[in-house]
N, C-alpha and C. Protein backbone atom coordinates (compact mmCIF):
# COMPACT_ATOMS: atom_id res chain seq x y z
N MET A 1 0.79 -1.29 0.13
CA MET A 1 -0.06 0.01 0.03
C MET A 1 0.79 1.24 -0.01
N VAL A 2 0.69 2.17 -1.05
CA VAL A 2 1.49 3.39 -0.96
C VAL A 2 0.55 4.49 -0.44
N CYS A 3 1.17 5.18 0.72
CA CYS A 3 0.51 6.23 1.36
C CYS A 3 0.91 7.70 0.75
N VAL A 4 0.09 8.48 0.60
CA VAL A 4 0.47 9.92 0.29
C VAL A 4 -0.36 10.79 1.03
N PRO A 5 0.52 11.95 1.45
CA PRO A 5 -0.22 12.89 2.33
C PRO A 5 -1.60 13.67 1.71
N ILE A 6 -2.56 13.72 2.56
CA ILE A 6 -3.73 14.37 2.04
C ILE A 6 -3.60 15.83 1.76
N LEU A 7 -4.41 16.27 0.69
CA LEU A 7 -4.69 17.76 0.50
C LEU A 7 -4.64 18.83 1.69
N ASN A 8 -3.70 19.76 1.62
CA ASN A 8 -3.82 20.67 2.60
C ASN A 8 -4.73 21.86 2.40
N VAL A 9 -5.71 21.88 3.08
CA VAL A 9 -7.00 22.73 2.98
C VAL A 9 -6.70 24.00 3.71
N SER A 10 -6.74 25.07 3.16
CA SER A 10 -6.53 26.39 3.74
C SER A 10 -7.71 27.34 3.68
N ASN A 11 -8.07 28.13 4.51
CA ASN A 11 -9.09 29.13 4.46
C ASN A 11 -8.85 30.41 3.35
N SER A 12 -9.48 30.65 2.43
CA SER A 12 -9.10 31.56 1.46
C SER A 12 -10.09 32.57 1.46
N ALA A 13 -9.98 33.85 1.45
CA ALA A 13 -10.74 34.77 1.20
C ALA A 13 -11.48 35.05 0.09
N ASN A 14 -11.02 34.23 -1.02
CA ASN A 14 -11.49 34.37 -2.32
C ASN A 14 -12.55 33.23 -2.39
N THR A 15 -13.89 33.50 -2.70
CA THR A 15 -14.95 32.65 -2.72
C THR A 15 -14.79 31.49 -3.68
N ASP A 16 -14.10 31.69 -4.83
CA ASP A 16 -13.76 30.69 -5.94
C ASP A 16 -12.76 29.76 -5.37
N ASP A 17 -12.01 30.04 -4.49
CA ASP A 17 -11.00 29.13 -3.97
C ASP A 17 -11.56 28.33 -2.74
N ARG A 18 -12.56 28.65 -2.14
CA ARG A 18 -13.05 27.81 -1.09
C ARG A 18 -13.69 26.62 -1.56
N LEU A 19 -13.55 25.67 -0.59
CA LEU A 19 -14.11 24.24 -0.96
C LEU A 19 -15.52 24.23 -0.43
N SER A 20 -16.29 23.60 -1.08
CA SER A 20 -17.68 23.49 -0.54
C SER A 20 -17.64 22.45 0.50
N LEU A 21 -18.57 22.40 1.54
CA LEU A 21 -18.41 21.61 2.84
C LEU A 21 -18.53 20.43 2.39
N ASP A 22 -19.24 19.77 1.53
CA ASP A 22 -19.10 18.29 1.30
C ASP A 22 -17.81 17.89 0.86
N VAL A 23 -16.91 18.71 -0.02
CA VAL A 23 -15.74 18.33 -0.44
C VAL A 23 -14.75 18.46 0.83
N PHE A 24 -14.74 19.45 1.56
CA PHE A 24 -14.06 19.60 2.55
C PHE A 24 -14.11 18.30 3.51
N LYS A 25 -15.28 18.11 3.90
CA LYS A 25 -15.59 16.83 4.62
C LYS A 25 -14.82 15.37 4.08
N LYS A 26 -15.10 15.57 2.79
CA LYS A 26 -14.60 14.28 2.20
C LYS A 26 -13.02 14.13 2.27
N LEU A 27 -12.46 15.37 1.84
CA LEU A 27 -10.91 15.24 1.71
C LEU A 27 -10.17 15.70 3.06
N ARG A 28 -10.82 16.37 4.04
CA ARG A 28 -9.97 17.04 5.16
C ARG A 28 -9.85 15.77 6.17
N TYR A 29 -10.88 15.10 6.40
CA TYR A 29 -10.88 14.16 7.49
C TYR A 29 -10.19 12.63 7.25
N PHE A 30 -9.58 12.63 6.26
CA PHE A 30 -8.95 11.42 5.89
C PHE A 30 -7.46 11.44 6.04
N ASP A 31 -6.68 10.59 6.68
CA ASP A 31 -5.31 10.73 6.71
C ASP A 31 -4.41 10.21 5.50
N ILE A 32 -4.99 9.21 4.62
CA ILE A 32 -4.06 8.88 3.71
C ILE A 32 -4.79 8.50 2.44
N VAL A 33 -4.03 8.78 1.24
CA VAL A 33 -4.67 8.17 0.00
C VAL A 33 -4.11 6.73 -0.22
N ILE A 34 -4.95 5.91 -0.54
CA ILE A 34 -4.46 4.55 -0.74
C ILE A 34 -4.27 4.07 -2.35
N LYS A 35 -3.50 2.98 -2.57
CA LYS A 35 -3.45 2.37 -3.75
C LYS A 35 -4.45 1.26 -3.93
N LEU A 36 -5.38 1.14 -4.70
CA LEU A 36 -6.28 0.02 -5.12
C LEU A 36 -5.67 -1.26 -5.25
N ASP A 37 -6.03 -2.38 -4.88
CA ASP A 37 -5.60 -3.58 -5.26
C ASP A 37 -6.05 -4.03 -6.66
N PRO A 38 -5.33 -3.98 -7.79
CA PRO A 38 -5.88 -4.24 -9.00
C PRO A 38 -6.27 -5.89 -9.31
N SER A 39 -6.00 -6.69 -8.36
CA SER A 39 -5.99 -8.09 -8.49
C SER A 39 -7.55 -8.49 -8.10
N LEU A 40 -8.36 -7.55 -7.28
CA LEU A 40 -9.68 -7.68 -7.05
C LEU A 40 -10.47 -7.52 -8.28
N GLU A 41 -11.71 -8.40 -8.27
CA GLU A 41 -12.60 -8.48 -9.27
C GLU A 41 -13.86 -7.88 -8.89
N PRO A 42 -14.54 -6.93 -9.90
CA PRO A 42 -15.76 -6.26 -9.51
C PRO A 42 -16.87 -7.37 -9.21
N ASP A 43 -17.75 -7.11 -8.14
CA ASP A 43 -19.01 -7.88 -8.00
C ASP A 43 -20.30 -7.03 -8.24
N TRP A 44 -20.89 -7.49 -9.38
CA TRP A 44 -21.94 -6.69 -9.97
C TRP A 44 -23.17 -7.49 -10.03
N ASP A 45 -24.42 -6.98 -9.48
CA ASP A 45 -25.64 -7.76 -9.49
C ASP A 45 -26.79 -6.88 -10.01
N GLU A 46 -27.96 -7.24 -10.10
CA GLU A 46 -28.93 -6.32 -10.40
C GLU A 46 -29.12 -5.16 -9.73
N ASP A 47 -29.06 -5.19 -8.32
CA ASP A 47 -29.20 -4.32 -7.49
C ASP A 47 -28.14 -3.07 -7.71
N ASN A 48 -26.89 -3.32 -7.68
CA ASN A 48 -26.02 -2.31 -7.78
C ASN A 48 -25.73 -1.83 -9.18
N VAL A 49 -26.17 -2.59 -10.22
CA VAL A 49 -26.09 -2.05 -11.41
C VAL A 49 -27.15 -0.91 -11.66
N ASN A 50 -28.45 -1.54 -11.13
CA ASN A 50 -29.68 -0.57 -11.20
C ASN A 50 -29.52 0.83 -10.50
N HIS A 51 -28.89 0.72 -9.33
CA HIS A 51 -28.47 1.78 -8.56
C HIS A 51 -27.73 2.94 -9.01
N ILE A 52 -26.53 2.46 -9.75
CA ILE A 52 -25.75 3.49 -10.53
C ILE A 52 -26.41 3.86 -11.65
N ALA A 53 -27.20 3.09 -12.17
CA ALA A 53 -27.92 3.50 -13.52
C ALA A 53 -28.83 4.71 -13.26
N GLU A 54 -29.47 4.64 -11.98
CA GLU A 54 -30.29 5.88 -11.65
C GLU A 54 -29.34 7.12 -11.55
N HIS A 55 -28.25 6.94 -11.40
CA HIS A 55 -27.22 8.19 -11.32
C HIS A 55 -26.61 8.28 -12.83
N GLY A 56 -26.99 7.69 -13.73
CA GLY A 56 -26.66 7.87 -15.14
C GLY A 56 -25.33 7.13 -15.51
N LEU A 57 -24.86 6.16 -14.65
CA LEU A 57 -23.65 5.39 -14.92
C LEU A 57 -23.79 3.91 -15.25
N ARG A 58 -22.68 3.42 -15.73
CA ARG A 58 -22.74 1.92 -16.21
C ARG A 58 -21.68 1.36 -15.41
N PRO A 59 -21.69 0.09 -15.08
CA PRO A 59 -20.52 -0.74 -14.44
C PRO A 59 -19.09 -0.34 -14.98
N GLU A 60 -19.16 -0.36 -16.32
CA GLU A 60 -17.88 -0.21 -17.18
C GLU A 60 -17.26 0.98 -16.65
N GLN A 61 -18.03 1.97 -16.42
CA GLN A 61 -17.47 3.34 -16.06
C GLN A 61 -16.75 3.30 -14.77
N VAL A 62 -17.40 2.71 -13.74
CA VAL A 62 -16.89 2.57 -12.49
C VAL A 62 -15.61 1.74 -12.40
N GLU A 63 -15.80 0.75 -13.22
CA GLU A 63 -14.48 -0.25 -13.45
C GLU A 63 -13.13 0.61 -13.94
N GLU A 64 -13.68 1.55 -14.90
CA GLU A 64 -12.27 2.26 -15.29
C GLU A 64 -11.93 3.10 -14.22
N VAL A 65 -12.73 3.73 -13.44
CA VAL A 65 -12.16 4.53 -12.44
C VAL A 65 -11.32 3.58 -11.49
N TYR A 66 -11.82 2.48 -11.03
CA TYR A 66 -11.42 1.58 -10.10
C TYR A 66 -9.91 1.18 -10.51
N TYR A 67 -9.97 0.81 -11.80
CA TYR A 67 -8.62 0.14 -12.36
C TYR A 67 -7.74 1.40 -13.07
N ASN A 68 -8.13 2.73 -12.80
CA ASN A 68 -7.25 3.85 -13.07
C ASN A 68 -7.02 3.88 -14.57
N GLU A 69 -8.03 3.51 -15.30
CA GLU A 69 -7.98 3.53 -16.96
C GLU A 69 -8.28 5.06 -17.62
N GLY A 70 -8.57 5.93 -16.87
CA GLY A 70 -8.95 7.31 -17.35
C GLY A 70 -7.64 8.07 -17.54
N PRO A 71 -7.94 8.99 -18.13
CA PRO A 71 -6.61 9.99 -18.32
C PRO A 71 -5.78 10.61 -17.25
N PHE A 72 -6.56 10.60 -15.94
CA PHE A 72 -5.75 11.02 -14.85
C PHE A 72 -5.88 10.08 -13.74
N PRO A 73 -5.02 10.07 -12.92
CA PRO A 73 -5.10 9.31 -11.70
C PRO A 73 -6.27 9.14 -10.70
N THR A 74 -6.62 7.98 -10.30
CA THR A 74 -7.73 7.85 -9.33
C THR A 74 -7.11 8.00 -7.89
N LEU A 75 -7.96 8.94 -7.22
CA LEU A 75 -7.80 8.97 -5.75
C LEU A 75 -8.61 8.07 -5.07
N ALA A 76 -8.14 7.41 -4.01
CA ALA A 76 -8.85 6.44 -3.17
C ALA A 76 -8.55 6.59 -1.84
N LEU A 77 -9.57 6.88 -1.06
CA LEU A 77 -9.56 7.17 0.51
C LEU A 77 -10.18 6.00 1.16
N LYS A 78 -9.59 5.51 2.34
CA LYS A 78 -10.09 4.52 3.07
C LYS A 78 -10.94 5.00 4.21
N THR A 79 -11.99 4.46 4.21
CA THR A 79 -13.03 4.92 5.47
C THR A 79 -13.45 3.69 6.28
N LYS A 80 -14.12 3.83 7.53
CA LYS A 80 -14.68 2.86 8.12
C LYS A 80 -16.07 3.09 8.28
N LYS A 81 -16.82 1.89 8.21
CA LYS A 81 -18.27 1.93 8.34
C LYS A 81 -18.69 0.88 9.50
N ARG A 82 -19.47 1.32 10.52
CA ARG A 82 -19.76 0.36 11.57
C ARG A 82 -21.26 -0.11 11.28
N ARG A 83 -21.49 -1.37 11.34
CA ARG A 83 -22.93 -1.75 11.03
C ARG A 83 -22.97 -2.78 12.16
N GLY A 84 -23.95 -2.40 13.24
CA GLY A 84 -24.05 -3.30 14.33
C GLY A 84 -22.64 -3.36 15.07
N GLY A 85 -22.23 -4.61 15.33
CA GLY A 85 -20.90 -4.79 15.84
C GLY A 85 -19.72 -5.07 14.90
N VAL A 86 -20.18 -4.82 13.62
CA VAL A 86 -19.03 -5.26 12.59
C VAL A 86 -18.44 -3.83 11.80
N THR A 87 -17.30 -3.86 11.80
CA THR A 87 -16.50 -2.70 11.07
C THR A 87 -16.27 -2.92 9.71
N GLU A 88 -16.68 -2.34 8.67
CA GLU A 88 -16.49 -2.57 7.30
C GLU A 88 -15.77 -1.29 6.94
N TYR A 89 -14.67 -1.88 6.05
CA TYR A 89 -13.91 -0.85 5.16
C TYR A 89 -14.69 -0.45 3.94
N ARG A 90 -14.72 0.72 3.58
CA ARG A 90 -15.16 1.38 2.18
C ARG A 90 -14.05 2.12 1.63
N TYR A 91 -14.15 2.15 0.42
CA TYR A 91 -13.05 3.15 -0.26
C TYR A 91 -13.87 4.18 -1.09
N ARG A 92 -13.66 5.48 -0.96
CA ARG A 92 -14.22 6.62 -1.72
C ARG A 92 -13.31 6.81 -2.67
N LEU A 93 -13.92 6.72 -4.01
CA LEU A 93 -12.94 7.00 -5.13
C LEU A 93 -13.22 8.20 -5.90
N TRP A 94 -12.30 8.93 -6.41
CA TRP A 94 -12.54 10.06 -7.28
C TRP A 94 -11.62 9.73 -8.44
N GLY A 95 -12.37 9.79 -9.61
CA GLY A 95 -11.51 9.63 -10.94
C GLY A 95 -12.26 9.93 -12.15
N ILE A 96 -11.61 9.56 -13.23
CA ILE A 96 -12.23 10.01 -14.56
C ILE A 96 -12.35 8.66 -15.48
N ASP A 97 -13.30 8.38 -16.13
CA ASP A 97 -13.55 7.39 -17.01
C ASP A 97 -12.73 7.53 -18.22
N ALA A 98 -12.67 6.60 -19.16
CA ALA A 98 -11.96 6.70 -20.31
C ALA A 98 -12.77 7.71 -21.31
N SER A 99 -13.97 8.00 -21.03
CA SER A 99 -14.61 9.21 -22.09
C SER A 99 -14.42 10.34 -21.42
N GLY A 100 -13.76 10.58 -20.09
CA GLY A 100 -13.68 11.93 -19.52
C GLY A 100 -14.78 12.33 -18.67
N MET A 101 -15.47 11.45 -18.34
CA MET A 101 -16.59 11.71 -17.20
C MET A 101 -15.96 11.76 -15.87
N TYR A 102 -16.17 12.71 -14.92
CA TYR A 102 -15.69 12.67 -13.59
C TYR A 102 -16.68 11.93 -12.82
N ILE A 103 -15.99 10.82 -12.02
CA ILE A 103 -17.02 9.87 -11.24
C ILE A 103 -16.43 9.86 -9.95
N GLU A 104 -17.45 9.74 -8.87
CA GLU A 104 -17.34 9.55 -7.46
C GLU A 104 -17.93 8.31 -7.15
N ALA A 105 -17.11 7.36 -6.44
CA ALA A 105 -17.69 6.03 -6.31
C ALA A 105 -17.45 5.67 -4.84
N ILE A 106 -18.29 4.78 -4.21
CA ILE A 106 -18.19 4.15 -2.97
C ILE A 106 -17.82 2.63 -3.24
N ILE A 107 -16.77 2.11 -2.61
CA ILE A 107 -16.57 0.79 -3.04
C ILE A 107 -16.14 -0.01 -1.67
N ALA A 108 -16.86 -1.23 -1.75
CA ALA A 108 -16.54 -2.15 -0.47
C ALA A 108 -15.85 -3.29 -0.97
N PRO A 109 -14.53 -3.19 -0.38
CA PRO A 109 -13.66 -4.27 -0.92
C PRO A 109 -13.69 -5.67 0.02
N TYR A 110 -13.54 -6.63 -0.64
CA TYR A 110 -13.55 -7.87 0.06
C TYR A 110 -12.26 -8.67 -0.45
N PRO A 111 -11.14 -8.51 0.13
CA PRO A 111 -10.08 -9.15 -0.49
C PRO A 111 -9.97 -10.56 -0.16
N GLU A 112 -10.77 -11.01 1.00
CA GLU A 112 -10.68 -12.44 1.40
C GLU A 112 -11.59 -13.17 0.36
N TYR A 113 -12.20 -12.71 -0.50
CA TYR A 113 -13.05 -13.20 -1.58
C TYR A 113 -12.56 -12.85 -2.82
N GLY A 114 -11.61 -11.89 -3.06
CA GLY A 114 -10.97 -11.48 -4.27
C GLY A 114 -11.93 -10.42 -4.93
N LEU A 115 -12.79 -9.86 -4.25
CA LEU A 115 -13.77 -9.07 -4.78
C LEU A 115 -13.83 -7.46 -4.24
N TRP A 116 -14.48 -6.65 -5.07
CA TRP A 116 -14.91 -5.41 -4.56
C TRP A 116 -16.26 -5.11 -5.24
N ARG A 117 -17.03 -4.51 -4.31
CA ARG A 117 -18.58 -4.25 -4.64
C ARG A 117 -18.80 -2.76 -4.67
N CYS A 118 -19.43 -2.23 -5.87
CA CYS A 118 -19.71 -0.80 -5.75
C CYS A 118 -21.07 -0.57 -4.97
N VAL A 119 -20.93 0.15 -3.90
CA VAL A 119 -21.92 0.64 -3.14
C VAL A 119 -22.98 1.63 -3.79
N THR A 120 -22.33 2.68 -4.30
CA THR A 120 -22.84 3.79 -5.19
C THR A 120 -21.71 4.45 -5.98
N ALA A 121 -22.27 5.16 -6.95
CA ALA A 121 -21.38 6.03 -7.86
C ALA A 121 -22.26 6.95 -8.49
N PHE A 122 -21.73 8.12 -8.87
CA PHE A 122 -22.27 9.15 -9.51
C PHE A 122 -21.52 10.34 -9.91
N PRO A 123 -21.93 11.03 -10.75
CA PRO A 123 -21.05 12.03 -11.43
C PRO A 123 -20.56 13.03 -10.39
N MET A 124 -19.24 13.26 -10.40
CA MET A 124 -18.63 14.37 -9.44
C MET A 124 -19.32 15.73 -9.58
N SER A 125 -19.67 16.47 -8.29
CA SER A 125 -20.06 17.74 -8.43
C SER A 125 -19.07 18.72 -8.84
N PRO A 126 -19.44 20.01 -9.36
CA PRO A 126 -18.43 20.85 -9.95
C PRO A 126 -17.31 20.99 -8.69
N SER A 127 -17.60 21.46 -7.66
CA SER A 127 -16.70 21.64 -6.56
C SER A 127 -15.77 20.50 -6.25
N THR A 128 -16.35 19.32 -6.46
CA THR A 128 -15.58 18.07 -6.17
C THR A 128 -14.51 17.85 -7.28
N GLN A 129 -15.04 18.25 -8.64
CA GLN A 129 -14.22 18.08 -9.79
C GLN A 129 -13.05 19.07 -9.43
N LYS A 130 -13.27 20.24 -9.09
CA LYS A 130 -12.29 21.16 -8.71
C LYS A 130 -11.30 20.89 -7.80
N THR A 131 -11.70 20.28 -6.60
CA THR A 131 -10.69 19.82 -5.75
C THR A 131 -9.95 18.54 -6.18
N TYR A 132 -10.44 17.56 -6.89
CA TYR A 132 -9.79 16.78 -7.46
C TYR A 132 -8.49 17.14 -8.53
N LEU A 133 -8.84 18.00 -9.32
CA LEU A 133 -7.97 18.35 -10.24
C LEU A 133 -6.74 19.17 -9.36
N ARG A 134 -7.31 19.84 -8.32
CA ARG A 134 -6.05 20.52 -7.51
C ARG A 134 -5.42 19.48 -6.64
N ARG A 135 -5.92 18.59 -6.38
CA ARG A 135 -5.28 17.38 -5.66
C ARG A 135 -4.43 16.68 -6.48
N ILE A 136 -4.61 16.42 -7.52
CA ILE A 136 -3.89 15.77 -8.60
C ILE A 136 -2.85 16.62 -9.43
N LYS A 137 -2.98 17.94 -8.97
CA LYS A 137 -2.09 19.07 -9.52
C LYS A 137 -2.24 19.25 -11.22
N ILE A 138 -3.52 19.42 -11.58
CA ILE A 138 -3.61 19.25 -13.02
C ILE A 138 -4.11 20.97 -13.21
């Protein structure tokens, strides 16, 4: 696993330079950017395919982001999700598919089964796109 320091967020007087609260929360409270495991296979079924279709996306687009097949690098941040007494790890991904669409996805990795499952995926908001591009220094 490769760890990279997270974006340094500063308070700017310029409104255009300010991060929206959602982007600030997503990027500010994570310690590391992780490298995804390319050996894991996607786990698609009718439920998650239909769910991302409601957001106008196809499984192939999410896979392109996961496997970093777009023109710019994918950022992945590891988070914890508690359900009952079980802690489950999720990855929040920001990337671009091969067609140039900016995509944000939540992935649940299951390395013990050799799989990852898309929980949700949707087009990035303009403020998230701006932060993503700053983070990858484009």
